[in-house]
PDB file of N, CA and C in Angstrom:
ATOM      1  N   UNK A   1      77.330 126.952 208.835  1.00  0.00           N
ATOM      2  CA  UNK A   1      76.308 127.229 208.725  1.00  0.00           C
ATOM      3  C   UNK A   1      75.900 128.698 207.839  1.00  0.00           C
ATOM      4  N   UNK A   2      74.890 128.686 207.632  1.00  0.00           N
ATOM      5  CA  UNK A   2      74.600 129.946 206.465  1.00  0.00           C
ATOM      6  C   UNK A   2      73.892 130.893 206.776  1.00  0.00           C
ATOM      7  N   UNK A   3      73.599 132.122 206.861  1.00  0.00           N
ATOM      8  CA  UNK A   3      72.656 132.859 207.598  1.00  0.00           C
ATOM      9  C   UNK A   3      71.899 134.086 205.996  1.00  0.00           C
ATOM     10  N   UNK A   4      70.805 133.540 205.668  1.00  0.00           N
ATOM     11  CA  UNK A   4      70.343 134.339 204.392  1.00  0.00           C
ATOM     12  C   UNK A   4      69.430 135.282 205.210  1.00  0.00           C
ATOM     13  N   UNK A   5      69.572 136.686 204.093  1.00  0.00           N
ATOM     14  CA  UNK A   5      68.932 137.750 204.664  1.00  0.00           C
ATOM     15  C   UNK A   5      67.578 138.153 204.052  1.00  0.00           C
ATOM     16  N   UNK A   6      66.805 138.945 204.184  1.00  0.00           N
ATOM     17  CA  UNK A   6      65.476 139.101 203.268  1.00  0.00           C
ATOM     18  C   UNK A   6      65.581 139.305 201.891  1.00  0.00           C
ATOM     19  N   UNK A   7      65.189 139.623 200.933  1.00  0.00           N
ATOM     20  CA  UNK A   7      65.313 139.870 199.822  1.00  0.00           C
ATOM     21  C   UNK A   7      65.868 141.255 199.807  1.00  0.00           C
ATOM     22  N   UNK A   8      66.666 141.728 198.864  1.00  0.00           N
ATOM     23  CA  UNK A   8      67.175 143.174 198.837  1.00  0.00           C
ATOM     24  C   UNK A   8      66.276 144.385 198.550  1.00  0.00           C
ATOM     25  N   UNK A   9      66.340 145.453 198.703  1.00  0.00           N
ATOM     26  CA  UNK A   9      65.689 146.606 198.026  1.00  0.00           C
ATOM     27  C   UNK A   9      66.833 147.128 197.349  1.00  0.00           C
ATOM     28  N   UNK A  10      66.896 147.718 196.536  1.00  0.00           N
ATOM     29  CA  UNK A  10      67.738 148.394 195.141  1.00  0.00           C
ATOM     30  C   UNK A  10      66.984 149.490 194.725  1.00  0.00           C
ATOM     31  N   UNK A  11      67.474 150.261 194.136  1.00  0.00           N
ATOM     32  CA  UNK A  11      66.808 151.470 193.697  1.00  0.00           C
ATOM     33  C   UNK A  11      67.947 151.716 192.148  1.00  0.00           C
ATOM     34  N   UNK A  12      67.616 151.834 190.878  1.00  0.00           N
ATOM     35  CA  UNK A  12      68.090 152.020 189.970  1.00  0.00           C
ATOM     36  C   UNK A  12      68.721 153.295 189.706  1.00  0.00           C
ATOM     37  N   UNK A  13      69.078 153.594 188.535  1.00  0.00           N
ATOM     38  CA  UNK A  13      69.496 154.566 188.256  1.00  0.00           C
ATOM     39  C   UNK A  13      68.487 156.151 188.185  1.00  0.00           C
ATOM     40  N   UNK A  14      67.345 155.611 188.009  1.00  0.00           N
ATOM     41  CA  UNK A  14      66.376 156.858 187.973  1.00  0.00           C
ATOM     42  C   UNK A  14      65.696 157.063 189.599  1.00  0.00           C
ATOM     43  N   UNK A  15      66.235 156.113 190.372  1.00  0.00           N
ATOM     44  CA  UNK A  15      65.796 156.468 191.902  1.00  0.00           C
ATOM     45  C   UNK A  15      64.458 155.615 192.198  1.00  0.00           C
ATOM     46  N   UNK A  16      64.118 154.619 191.194  1.00  0.00           N
ATOM     47  CA  UNK A  16      62.893 153.889 191.345  1.00  0.00           C
ATOM     48  C   UNK A  16      63.103 152.800 192.202  1.00  0.00           C
ATOM     49  N   UNK A  17      62.326 152.637 193.594  1.00  0.00           N
ATOM     50  CA  UNK A  17      62.526 151.235 194.618  1.00  0.00           C
ATOM     51  C   UNK A  17      62.023 149.835 194.039  1.00  0.00           C
ATOM     52  N   UNK A  18      62.860 149.295 193.668  1.00  0.00           N
ATOM     53  CA  UNK A  18      62.680 147.639 193.161  1.00  0.00           C
ATOM     54  C   UNK A  18      62.852 146.934 194.327  1.00  0.00           C
ATOM     55  N   UNK A  19      61.639 146.026 194.505  1.00  0.00           N
ATOM     56  CA  UNK A  19      61.393 145.081 195.543  1.00  0.00           C
ATOM     57  C   UNK A  19      62.224 143.567 195.106  1.00  0.00           C
ATOM     58  N   UNK A  20      62.685 142.558 195.975  1.00  0.00           N
ATOM     59  CA  UNK A  20      62.854 141.455 195.387  1.00  0.00           C
ATOM     60  C   UNK A  20      63.219 141.334 194.254  1.00  0.00           C
ATOM     61  N   UNK A  21      64.570 142.312 193.872  1.00  0.00           N
ATOM     62  CA  UNK A  21      65.675 141.933 193.135  1.00  0.00           C
ATOM     63  C   UNK A  21      66.369 141.428 193.063  1.00  0.00           C
ATOM     64  N   UNK A  22      67.257 140.978 194.441  1.00  0.00           N
ATOM     65  CA  UNK A  22      68.362 140.254 194.948  1.00  0.00           C
ATOM     66  C   UNK A  22      67.869 139.160 195.840  1.00  0.00           C
ATOM     67  N   UNK A  23      68.161 138.016 196.228  1.00  0.00           N
ATOM     68  CA  UNK A  23      68.245 137.387 197.189  1.00  0.00           C
ATOM     69  C   UNK A  23      67.095 136.613 197.610  1.00  0.00           C
ATOM     70  N   UNK A  24      67.112 135.665 198.398  1.00  0.00           N
ATOM     71  CA  UNK A  24      66.181 134.572 198.354  1.00  0.00           C
ATOM     72  C   UNK A  24      64.520 134.871 198.927  1.00  0.00           C
ATOM     73  N   UNK A  25      63.822 134.368 198.114  1.00  0.00           N
ATOM     74  CA  UNK A  25      62.297 135.220 198.480  1.00  0.00           C
ATOM     75  C   UNK A  25      61.604 134.078 199.470  1.00  0.00           C
ATOM     76  N   UNK A  26      62.235 132.888 199.455  1.00  0.00           N
ATOM     77  CA  UNK A  26      61.700 131.907 200.813  1.00  0.00           C
ATOM     78  C   UNK A  26      62.790 131.650 201.686  1.00  0.00           C
ATOM     79  N   UNK A  27      62.746 131.007 202.757  1.00  0.00           N
ATOM     80  CA  UNK A  27      63.826 130.282 202.902  1.00  0.00           C
ATOM     81  C   UNK A  27      63.521 129.330 204.240  1.00  0.00           C
ATOM     82  N   UNK A  28      63.856 128.362 203.817  1.00  0.00           N
ATOM     83  CA  UNK A  28      63.874 126.708 204.378  1.00  0.00           C
ATOM     84  C   UNK A  28      64.591 126.337 205.379  1.00  0.00           C
ATOM     85  N   UNK A  29      64.360 126.011 206.426  1.00  0.00           N
ATOM     86  CA  UNK A  29      65.260 125.739 207.575  1.00  0.00           C
ATOM     87  C   UNK A  29      64.862 124.882 208.101  1.00  0.00           C
ATOM     88  N   UNK A  30      66.328 123.590 207.872  1.00  0.00           N
ATOM     89  CA  UNK A  30      66.038 122.426 208.362  1.00  0.00           C
ATOM     90  C   UNK A  30      67.307 122.217 209.664  1.00  0.00           C
ATOM     91  N   UNK A  31      66.384 121.425 210.952  1.00  0.00           N
ATOM     92  CA  UNK A  31      67.371 121.201 211.787  1.00  0.00           C
ATOM     93  C   UNK A  31      67.777 119.723 212.217  1.00  0.00           C
ATOM     94  N   UNK A  32      68.894 119.673 211.977  1.00  0.00           N
ATOM     95  CA  UNK A  32      69.624 118.108 212.291  1.00  0.00           C
ATOM     96  C   UNK A  32      70.244 118.270 213.330  1.00  0.00           C
ATOM     97  N   UNK A  33      69.759 117.093 214.101  1.00  0.00           N
ATOM     98  CA  UNK A  33      70.614 116.705 215.731  1.00  0.00           C
ATOM     99  C   UNK A  33      71.609 115.896 215.797  1.00  0.00           C
ATOM    100  N   UNK A  34      71.487 114.882 214.914  1.00  0.00           N
ATOM    101  CA  UNK A  34      72.418 113.758 215.163  1.00  0.00           C
ATOM    102  C   UNK A  34      73.200 113.420 216.324  1.00  0.00           C
ATOM    103  N   UNK A  35      72.582 113.467 217.153  1.00  0.00           N
ATOM    104  CA  UNK A  35      72.603 113.029 218.473  1.00  0.00           C
ATOM    105  C   UNK A  35      73.810 114.525 219.229  1.00  0.00           C
ATOM    106  N   UNK A  36      73.405 115.445 219.039  1.00  0.00           N
ATOM    107  CA  UNK A  36      74.141 116.413 219.438  1.00  0.00           C
ATOM    108  C   UNK A  36      73.885 117.239 220.495  1.00  0.00           C
ATOM    109  N   UNK A  37      72.614 116.726 220.992  1.00  0.00           N
ATOM    110  CA  UNK A  37      71.635 117.383 222.137  1.00  0.00           C
ATOM    111  C   UNK A  37      72.722 116.427 223.494  1.00  0.00           C
ATOM    112  N   UNK A  38      72.574 115.124 223.536  1.00  0.00           N
ATOM    113  CA  UNK A  38      72.889 113.785 223.845  1.00  0.00           C
ATOM    114  C   UNK A  38      74.488 114.591 224.412  1.00  0.00           C
ATOM    115  N   UNK A  39      75.400 114.860 223.481  1.00  0.00           N
ATOM    116  CA  UNK A  39      76.760 115.058 223.285  1.00  0.00           C
ATOM    117  C   UNK A  39      76.918 116.529 224.453  1.00  0.00           C
ATOM    118  N   UNK A  40      76.148 117.280 223.989  1.00  0.00           N
ATOM    119  CA  UNK A  40      76.233 118.478 224.764  1.00  0.00           C
ATOM    120  C   UNK A  40      75.575 118.658 226.451  1.00  0.00           C
ATOM    121  N   UNK A  41      74.920 117.202 226.448  1.00  0.00           N
ATOM    122  CA  UNK A  41      74.606 117.248 227.940  1.00  0.00           C
ATOM    123  C   UNK A  41      75.564 116.826 228.769  1.00  0.00           C
ATOM    124  N   UNK A  42      76.599 115.736 228.104  1.00  0.00           N
ATOM    125  CA  UNK A  42      77.509 115.153 228.566  1.00  0.00           C
ATOM    126  C   UNK A  42      78.828 116.121 228.772  1.00  0.00           C
ATOM    127  N   UNK A  43      78.901 116.425 227.390  1.00  0.00           N
ATOM    128  CA  UNK A  43      80.484 116.919 227.336  1.00  0.00           C
ATOM    129  C   UNK A  43      80.129 118.930 227.105  1.00  0.00           C
ATOM    130  N   UNK A  44      79.526 119.489 227.132  1.00  0.00           N
ATOM    131  CA  UNK A  44      78.707 120.909 226.882  1.00  0.00           C
ATOM    132  C   UNK A  44      79.675 121.328 227.060  1.00  0.00           C
ATOM    133  N   UNK A  45      80.520 121.687 227.973  1.00  0.00           N
ATOM    134  CA  UNK A  45      81.805 122.470 227.853  1.00  0.00           C
ATOM    135  C   UNK A  45      82.794 122.723 227.009  1.00  0.00           C
ATOM    136  N   UNK A  46      83.110 121.330 226.074  1.00  0.00           N
ATOM    137  CA  UNK A  46      84.432 120.943 225.098  1.00  0.00           C
ATOM    138  C   UNK A  46      83.472 122.042 224.168  1.00  0.00           C
ATOM    139  N   UNK A  47      82.146 122.207 223.901  1.00  0.00           N
ATOM    140  CA  UNK A  47      81.534 122.913 222.836  1.00  0.00           C
ATOM    141  C   UNK A  47      81.659 124.156 222.264  1.00  0.00           C
ATOM    142  N   UNK A  48      82.313 124.621 223.948  1.00  0.00           N
ATOM    143  CA  UNK A  48      82.896 126.383 224.170  1.00  0.00           C
ATOM    144  C   UNK A  48      84.018 126.726 223.536  1.00  0.00           C
ATOM    145  N   UNK A  49      84.685 125.469 222.512  1.00  0.00           N
ATOM    146  CA  UNK A  49      86.318 125.995 222.072  1.00  0.00           C
ATOM    147  C   UNK A  49      86.119 126.890 220.685  1.00  0.00           C
ATOM    148  N   UNK A  50      86.819 128.207 221.070  1.00  0.00           N
ATOM    149  CA  UNK A  50      86.774 129.158 219.783  1.00  0.00           C
ATOM    150  C   UNK A  50      87.900 128.564 218.872  1.00  0.00           C
ATOM    151  N   UNK A  51      88.496 127.418 219.058  1.00  0.00           N
ATOM    152  CA  UNK A  51      89.468 126.964 218.387  1.00  0.00           C
ATOM    153  C   UNK A  51      91.108 127.900 217.988  1.00  0.00           C
ATOM    154  N   UNK A  52      91.529 128.479 219.411  1.00  0.00           N
ATOM    155  CA  UNK A  52      92.618 129.283 219.300  1.00  0.00           C
ATOM    156  C   UNK A  52      93.946 128.591 218.753  1.00  0.00           C
ATOM    157  N   UNK A  53      93.567 127.145 219.483  1.00  0.00           N
ATOM    158  CA  UNK A  53      95.057 126.584 219.893  1.00  0.00           C
ATOM    159  C   UNK A  53      95.886 126.628 220.454  1.00  0.00           C
ATOM    160  N   UNK A  54      95.229 127.338 221.629  1.00  0.00           N
ATOM    161  CA  UNK A  54      96.529 127.476 222.777  1.00  0.00           C
ATOM    162  C   UNK A  54      96.671 126.465 223.662  1.00  0.00           C
ATOM    163  N   UNK A  55      95.459 125.303 223.530  1.00  0.00           N
ATOM    164  CA  UNK A  55      96.175 124.264 224.190  1.00  0.00           C
ATOM    165  C   UNK A  55      97.120 123.352 223.566  1.00  0.00           C
ATOM    166  N   UNK A  56      97.213 123.146 222.565  1.00  0.00           N
ATOM    167  CA  UNK A  56      98.079 122.307 221.489  1.00  0.00           C
ATOM    168  C   UNK A  56      99.393 123.096 221.521  1.00  0.00           C
ATOM    169  N   UNK A  57      99.428 124.220 221.805  1.00  0.00           N
ATOM    170  CA  UNK A  57     100.631 125.028 221.937  1.00  0.00           C
ATOM    171  C   UNK A  57     101.565 124.353 223.021  1.00  0.00           C
ATOM    172  N   UNK A  58     100.833 124.440 224.135  1.00  0.00           N
ATOM    173  CA  UNK A  58     101.299 124.495 225.450  1.00  0.00           C
ATOM    174  C   UNK A  58     101.659 122.674 225.598  1.00  0.00           C
ATOM    175  N   UNK A  59     100.448 121.985 225.015  1.00  0.00           N
ATOM    176  CA  UNK A  59     100.723 120.420 225.301  1.00  0.00           C
ATOM    177  C   UNK A  59     102.304 119.781 225.091  1.00  0.00           C
ATOM    178  N   UNK A  60     102.879 118.920 225.997  1.00  0.00           N
ATOM    179  CA  UNK A  60     104.054 118.698 225.871  1.00  0.00           C
ATOM    180  C   UNK A  60     103.640 117.137 224.837  1.00  0.00           C
ATOM    181  N   UNK A  61     102.480 116.758 225.036  1.00  0.00           N
ATOM    182  CA  UNK A  61     102.314 115.769 224.190  1.00  0.00           C
ATOM    183  C   UNK A  61     102.429 115.340 222.909  1.00  0.00           C
ATOM    184  N   UNK A  62     101.330 116.723 222.406  1.00  0.00           N
ATOM    185  CA  UNK A  62     101.496 117.333 221.075  1.00  0.00           C
ATOM    186  C   UNK A  62     102.435 117.574 220.628  1.00  0.00           C
ATOM    187  N   UNK A  63     103.447 118.328 221.129  1.00  0.00           N
ATOM    188  CA  UNK A  63     104.414 118.920 220.474  1.00  0.00           C
ATOM    189  C   UNK A  63     105.475 117.744 220.165  1.00  0.00           C
ATOM    190  N   UNK A  64     105.555 116.642 221.017  1.00  0.00           N
ATOM    191  CA  UNK A  64     106.128 115.834 220.900  1.00  0.00           C
ATOM    192  C   UNK A  64     105.801 114.633 219.817  1.00  0.00           C
ATOM    193  N   UNK A  65     104.450 114.226 220.050  1.00  0.00           N
ATOM    194  CA  UNK A  65     103.976 113.353 219.005  1.00  0.00           C
ATOM    195  C   UNK A  65     103.720 113.939 217.588  1.00  0.00           C
ATOM    196  N   UNK A  66     102.996 115.317 218.033  1.00  0.00           N
ATOM    197  CA  UNK A  66     102.247 115.861 216.745  1.00  0.00           C
ATOM    198  C   UNK A  66     100.985 115.482 216.144  1.00  0.00           C
ATOM    199  N   UNK A  67     100.279 115.100 215.423  1.00  0.00           N
ATOM    200  CA  UNK A  67      99.166 114.725 214.731  1.00  0.00           C
ATOM    201  C   UNK A  67      98.498 113.192 215.171  1.00  0.00           C
ATOM    202  N   UNK A  68      99.457 112.572 215.733  1.00  0.00           N
ATOM    203  CA  UNK A  68      98.889 111.152 216.385  1.00  0.00           C
ATOM    204  C   UNK A  68      97.871 111.797 217.550  1.00  0.00           C
ATOM    205  N   UNK A  69      98.188 112.721 218.225  1.00  0.00           N
ATOM    206  CA  UNK A  69      97.395 113.142 219.338  1.00  0.00           C
ATOM    207  C   UNK A  69      96.078 114.136 219.285  1.00  0.00           C
ATOM    208  N   UNK A  70      95.137 113.204 218.871  1.00  0.00           N
ATOM    209  CA  UNK A  70      93.917 113.643 218.578  1.00  0.00           C
ATOM    210  C   UNK A  70      93.146 113.027 217.174  1.00  0.00           C
ATOM    211  N   UNK A  71      92.255 113.759 216.903  1.00  0.00           N
ATOM    212  CA  UNK A  71      91.114 113.161 215.838  1.00  0.00           C
ATOM    213  C   UNK A  71      91.315 114.028 214.563  1.00  0.00           C
ATOM    214  N   UNK A  72      91.690 113.171 213.875  1.00  0.00           N
ATOM    215  CA  UNK A  72      91.409 113.985 211.906  1.00  0.00           C
ATOM    216  C   UNK A  72      91.626 115.239 212.096  1.00  0.00           C
ATOM    217  N   UNK A  73      91.057 116.179 212.116  1.00  0.00           N
ATOM    218  CA  UNK A  73      91.342 117.766 212.022  1.00  0.00           C
ATOM    219  C   UNK A  73      91.334 118.329 213.385  1.00  0.00           C
ATOM    220  N   UNK A  74      90.931 117.776 214.539  1.00  0.00           N
ATOM    221  CA  UNK A  74      90.731 118.092 215.855  1.00  0.00           C
ATOM    222  C   UNK A  74      91.689 117.443 216.413  1.00  0.00           C
ATOM    223  N   UNK A  75      92.690 118.665 217.062  1.00  0.00           N
ATOM    224  CA  UNK A  75      93.599 117.991 217.599  1.00  0.00           C
ATOM    225  C   UNK A  75      93.979 118.477 218.664  1.00  0.00           C
ATOM    226  N   UNK A  76      94.902 117.133 219.604  1.00  0.00           N
ATOM    227  CA  UNK A  76      95.435 117.382 220.878  1.00  0.00           C
ATOM    228  C   UNK A  76      94.100 116.735 221.708  1.00  0.00           C
ATOM    229  N   UNK A  77      94.190 117.413 222.999  1.00  0.00           N
ATOM    230  CA  UNK A  77      93.203 116.592 223.917  1.00  0.00           C
ATOM    231  C   UNK A  77      92.097 116.623 223.277  1.00  0.00           C
ATOM    232  N   UNK A  78      91.439 117.883 223.129  1.00  0.00           N
ATOM    233  CA  UNK A  78      89.972 117.942 222.569  1.00  0.00           C
ATOM    234  C   UNK A  78      89.666 117.352 221.408  1.00  0.00           C
ATOM    235  N   UNK A  79      90.399 117.011 220.345  1.00  0.00           N
ATOM    236  CA  UNK A  79      90.337 116.195 219.730  1.00  0.00           C
ATOM    237  C   UNK A  79      90.292 114.569 219.805  1.00  0.00           C
ATOM    238  N   UNK A  80      90.733 114.328 221.014  1.00  0.00           N
ATOM    239  CA  UNK A  80      90.317 112.855 221.853  1.00  0.00           C
ATOM    240  C   UNK A  80      89.107 112.903 222.423  1.00  0.00           C
ATOM    241  N   UNK A  81      88.530 113.592 223.017  1.00  0.00           N
ATOM    242  CA  UNK A  81      86.959 114.478 223.342  1.00  0.00           C
ATOM    243  C   UNK A  81      86.276 113.856 222.060  1.00  0.00           C
ATOM    244  N   UNK A  82      86.302 115.041 221.311  1.00  0.00           N
ATOM    245  CA  UNK A  82      85.382 114.853 220.148  1.00  0.00           C
ATOM    246  C   UNK A  82      85.436 113.303 219.469  1.00  0.00           C
ATOM    247  N   UNK A  83      86.377 112.510 219.111  1.00  0.00           N
ATOM    248  CA  UNK A  83      86.356 111.294 218.973  1.00  0.00           C
ATOM    249  C   UNK A  83      85.597 110.371 219.527  1.00  0.00           C
ATOM    250  N   UNK A  84      85.475 110.859 220.740  1.00  0.00           N
ATOM    251  CA  UNK A  84      84.619 109.823 221.640  1.00  0.00           C
ATOM    252  C   UNK A  84      82.875 110.144 221.009  1.00  0.00           C
ATOM    253  N   UNK A  85      83.010 111.395 221.061  1.00  0.00           N
ATOM    254  CA  UNK A  85      81.699 112.018 221.203  1.00  0.00           C
ATOM    255  C   UNK A  85      81.190 111.168 219.088  1.00  0.00           C
ATOM    256  N   UNK A  86      82.062 111.221 218.306  1.00  0.00           N
ATOM    257  CA  UNK A  86      81.743 111.356 216.880  1.00  0.00           C
ATOM    258  C   UNK A  86      81.929 109.767 217.103  1.00  0.00           C
ATOM    259  N   UNK A  87      82.845 109.139 217.096  1.00  0.00           N
ATOM    260  CA  UNK A  87      83.032 107.814 216.543  1.00  0.00           C
ATOM    261  C   UNK A  87      82.963 106.738 218.075  1.00  0.00           C
ATOM    262  N   UNK A  88      82.819 106.722 218.970  1.00  0.00           N
ATOM    263  CA  UNK A  88      82.891 105.953 220.161  1.00  0.00           C
ATOM    264  C   UNK A  88      84.477 105.598 220.604  1.00  0.00           C
ATOM    265  N   UNK A  89      84.380 104.811 221.619  1.00  0.00           N
ATOM    266  CA  UNK A  89      85.295 104.757 222.437  1.00  0.00           C
ATOM    267  C   UNK A  89      86.845 104.099 221.879  1.00  0.00           C
ATOM    268  N   UNK A  90      86.523 103.277 221.383  1.00  0.00           N
ATOM    269  CA  UNK A  90      87.802 102.787 220.242  1.00  0.00           C
ATOM    270  C   UNK A  90      88.345 103.971 219.261  1.00  0.00           C
ATOM    271  N   UNK A  91      87.637 104.521 218.459  1.00  0.00           N
ATOM    272  CA  UNK A  91      88.133 105.523 218.440  1.00  0.00           C
ATOM    273  C   UNK A  91      89.091 106.698 219.228  1.00  0.00           C
ATOM    274  N   UNK A  92      88.485 106.775 220.409  1.00  0.00           N
ATOM    275  CA  UNK A  92      89.016 107.412 221.514  1.00  0.00           C
ATOM    276  C   UNK A  92      90.305 107.317 221.913  1.00  0.00           C
ATOM    277  N   UNK A  93      90.192 105.696 221.923  1.00  0.00           N
ATOM    278  CA  UNK A  93      91.644 105.033 222.645  1.00  0.00           C
ATOM    279  C   UNK A  93      92.392 105.329 221.429  1.00  0.00           C
ATOM    280  N   UNK A  94      92.260 105.084 219.863  1.00  0.00           N
ATOM    281  CA  UNK A  94      93.691 105.022 219.086  1.00  0.00           C
ATOM    282  C   UNK A  94      93.285 107.045 218.933  1.00  0.00           C
ATOM    283  N   UNK A  95      93.133 107.523 219.278  1.00  0.00           N
ATOM    284  CA  UNK A  95      93.116 108.977 219.300  1.00  0.00           C
ATOM    285  C   UNK A  95      94.135 109.515 220.222  1.00  0.00           C
ATOM    286  N   UNK A  96      94.602 108.538 221.336  1.00  0.00           N
ATOM    287  CA  UNK A  96      95.423 108.755 222.255  1.00  0.00           C
ATOM    288  C   UNK A  96      95.122 109.190 223.934  1.00  0.00           C
ATOM    289  N   UNK A  97      94.005 108.701 224.000  1.00  0.00           N
ATOM    290  CA  UNK A  97      93.669 108.814 225.003  1.00  0.00           C
ATOM    291  C   UNK A  97      94.170 108.339 226.692  1.00  0.00           C
ATOM    292  N   UNK A  98      94.890 107.031 226.446  1.00  0.00           N
ATOM    293  CA  UNK A  98      95.941 107.335 227.513  1.00  0.00           C
ATOM    294  C   UNK A  98      97.736 107.606 227.091  1.00  0.00           C
ATOM    295  N   UNK A  99      97.745 108.757 226.064  1.00  0.00           N
ATOM    296  CA  UNK A  99      98.775 109.405 225.569  1.00  0.00           C
ATOM    297  C   UNK A  99      98.731 110.322 226.630  1.00  0.00           C
ATOM    298  N   UNK A 100      97.697 111.136 226.922  1.00  0.00           N
ATOM    299  CA  UNK A 100      97.848 112.415 227.814  1.00  0.00           C
ATOM    300  C   UNK A 100      98.400 112.201 229.076  1.00  0.00           C
ATOM    301  N   UNK A 101      98.934 112.800 229.763  1.00  0.00           N
ATOM    302  CA  UNK A 101      99.576 112.973 230.980  1.00  0.00           C
ATOM    303  C   UNK A 101      98.930 113.714 231.820  1.00  0.00           C
ATOM    304  N   UNK A 102      97.452 114.270 231.218  1.00  0.00           N
ATOM    305  CA  UNK A 102      96.420 115.012 232.301  1.00  0.00           C
ATOM    306  C   UNK A 102      97.663 116.030 233.108  1.00  0.00           C
ATOM    307  N   UNK A 103      98.397 116.589 232.743  1.00  0.00           N
ATOM    308  CA  UNK A 103      99.055 117.786 233.296  1.00  0.00           C
ATOM    309  C   UNK A 103      98.475 119.104 233.528  1.00  0.00           C
ATOM    310  N   UNK A 104      97.596 119.457 232.734  1.00  0.00           N
ATOM    311  CA  UNK A 104      96.486 120.665 232.775  1.00  0.00           C
ATOM    312  C   UNK A 104      96.827 121.906 231.985  1.00  0.00           C
ATOM    313  N   UNK A 105      97.986 121.504 231.420  1.00  0.00           N
ATOM    314  CA  UNK A 105      98.461 122.860 230.875  1.00  0.00           C
ATOM    315  C   UNK A 105      97.758 123.395 229.663  1.00  0.00           C
ATOM    316  N   UNK A 106      96.904 122.555 229.130  1.00  0.00           N
ATOM    317  CA  UNK A 106      95.876 123.240 228.134  1.00  0.00           C
ATOM    318  C   UNK A 106      94.484 123.546 229.165  1.00  0.00           C
ATOM    319  N   UNK A 107      94.350 123.303 229.891  1.00  0.00           N
ATOM    320  CA  UNK A 107      93.281 123.702 230.870  1.00  0.00           C
ATOM    321  C   UNK A 107      93.757 125.128 231.481  1.00  0.00           C
ATOM    322  N   UNK A 108      95.364 125.534 231.814  1.00  0.00           N
ATOM    323  CA  UNK A 108      95.501 126.532 232.216  1.00  0.00           C
ATOM    324  C   UNK A 108      95.628 127.679 231.327  1.00  0.00           C
ATOM    325  N   UNK A 109      95.433 127.044 229.777  1.00  0.00           N
ATOM    326  CA  UNK A 109      96.299 127.896 228.767  1.00  0.00           C
ATOM    327  C   UNK A 109      94.381 128.527 228.107  1.00  0.00           C
ATOM    328  N   UNK A 110      93.670 127.575 228.302  1.00  0.00           N
ATOM    329  CA  UNK A 110      92.796 127.712 227.616  1.00  0.00           C
ATOM    330  C   UNK A 110      91.470 129.362 227.948  1.00  0.00           C
ATOM    331  N   UNK A 111      91.671 130.236 227.115  1.00  0.00           N
ATOM    332  CA  UNK A 111      90.717 131.367 227.230  1.00  0.00           C
ATOM    333  C   UNK A 111      89.661 131.389 227.760  1.00  0.00           C
ATOM    334  N   UNK A 112      88.763 130.122 227.415  1.00  0.00           N
ATOM    335  CA  UNK A 112      87.433 129.691 227.857  1.00  0.00           C
ATOM    336  C   UNK A 112      87.107 128.786 228.883  1.00  0.00           C
ATOM    337  N   UNK A 113      88.371 128.698 229.468  1.00  0.00           N
ATOM    338  CA  UNK A 113      88.313 127.571 230.863  1.00  0.00           C
ATOM    339  C   UNK A 113      87.985 126.141 230.478  1.00  0.00           C
ATOM    340  N   UNK A 114      87.939 125.689 229.365  1.00  0.00           N
ATOM    341  CA  UNK A 114      87.553 124.469 229.456  1.00  0.00           C
ATOM    342  C   UNK A 114      88.761 123.356 230.039  1.00  0.00           C
ATOM    343  N   UNK A 115      88.477 122.204 230.540  1.00  0.00           N
ATOM    344  CA  UNK A 115      89.116 121.462 231.687  1.00  0.00           C
ATOM    345  C   UNK A 115      88.979 120.178 230.450  1.00  0.00           C
ATOM    346  N   UNK A 116      90.085 120.374 229.411  1.00  0.00           N
ATOM    347  CA  UNK A 116      90.434 119.258 228.840  1.00  0.00           C
ATOM    348  C   UNK A 116      90.769 117.949 229.730  1.00  0.00           C
ATOM    349  N   UNK A 117      91.831 118.263 230.402  1.00  0.00           N
ATOM    350  CA  UNK A 117      92.044 117.380 231.396  1.00  0.00           C
ATOM    351  C   UNK A 117      91.348 116.522 231.992  1.00  0.00           C
ATOM    352  N   UNK A 118      90.325 116.992 232.662  1.00  0.00           N
ATOM    353  CA  UNK A 118      89.274 116.484 233.236  1.00  0.00           C
ATOM    354  C   UNK A 118      88.582 115.627 232.661  1.00  0.00           C
ATOM    355  N   UNK A 119      87.865 116.223 231.031  1.00  0.00           N
ATOM    356  CA  UNK A 119      87.003 115.569 230.579  1.00  0.00           C
ATOM    357  C   UNK A 119      88.240 114.500 229.838  1.00  0.00           C
ATOM    358  N   UNK A 120      89.344 114.046 229.730  1.00  0.00           N
ATOM    359  CA  UNK A 120      90.024 113.156 229.345  1.00  0.00           C
ATOM    360  C   UNK A 120      90.169 111.637 230.700  1.00  0.00           C
ATOM    361  N   UNK A 121      90.542 112.700 231.485  1.00  0.00           N
ATOM    362  CA  UNK A 121      90.175 111.380 232.641  1.00  0.00           C
ATOM    363  C   UNK A 121      89.073 110.730 233.134  1.00  0.00           C
ATOM    364  N   UNK A 122      87.844 111.849 232.947  1.00  0.00           N
ATOM    365  CA  UNK A 122      86.314 110.942 233.044  1.00  0.00           C
ATOM    366  C   UNK A 122      86.193 110.049 231.835  1.00  0.00           C
ATOM    367  N   UNK A 123      87.071 110.378 230.397  1.00  0.00           N
ATOM    368  CA  UNK A 123      86.802 109.357 229.439  1.00  0.00           C
ATOM    369  C   UNK A 123      87.455 107.743 229.914  1.00  0.00           C
ATOM    370  N   UNK A 124      88.366 107.987 230.681  1.00  0.00           N
ATOM    371  CA  UNK A 124      89.505 106.964 230.562  1.00  0.00           C
ATOM    372  C   UNK A 124      89.041 106.143 231.821  1.00  0.00           C
ATOM    373  N   UNK A 125      87.702 106.131 232.401  1.00  0.00           N
ATOM    374  CA  UNK A 125      87.118 105.573 233.160  1.00  0.00           C
ATOM    375  C   UNK A 125      85.754 105.010 232.672  1.00  0.00           C
ATOM    376  N   UNK A 126      85.128 105.352 231.342  1.00  0.00           N
ATOM    377  CA  UNK A 126      84.240 104.638 230.740  1.00  0.00           C
ATOM    378  C   UNK A 126      84.495 103.492 230.282  1.00  0.00           C
TER     379      UNK A 126
END
């Protein structure tokens, strides 16, 4: 995400105020959904993740098998959930859906209180 502010105001050496010297003269905003609204309705809590890594540090499965538990750059149980959102059930299965023990340590350690183990349990019944 890029944040663009208005054109800057600057003064040169002679203290004369010059406008529109630097920055954008106009801003074009493009909104792209790509199914995110549906994903947020179903798994909205998962998108509160701040990426601190507390869940994967305490996860016994991730510490045992590593990068195989998760999806691409999204590691651990959160990666499994995101793989189901991004690519569907087959990708979710390949990311380690049934590898998780549902012990709940990820949920206990999460500073945002995201119930990753409950999301994974729901995905198992889809």
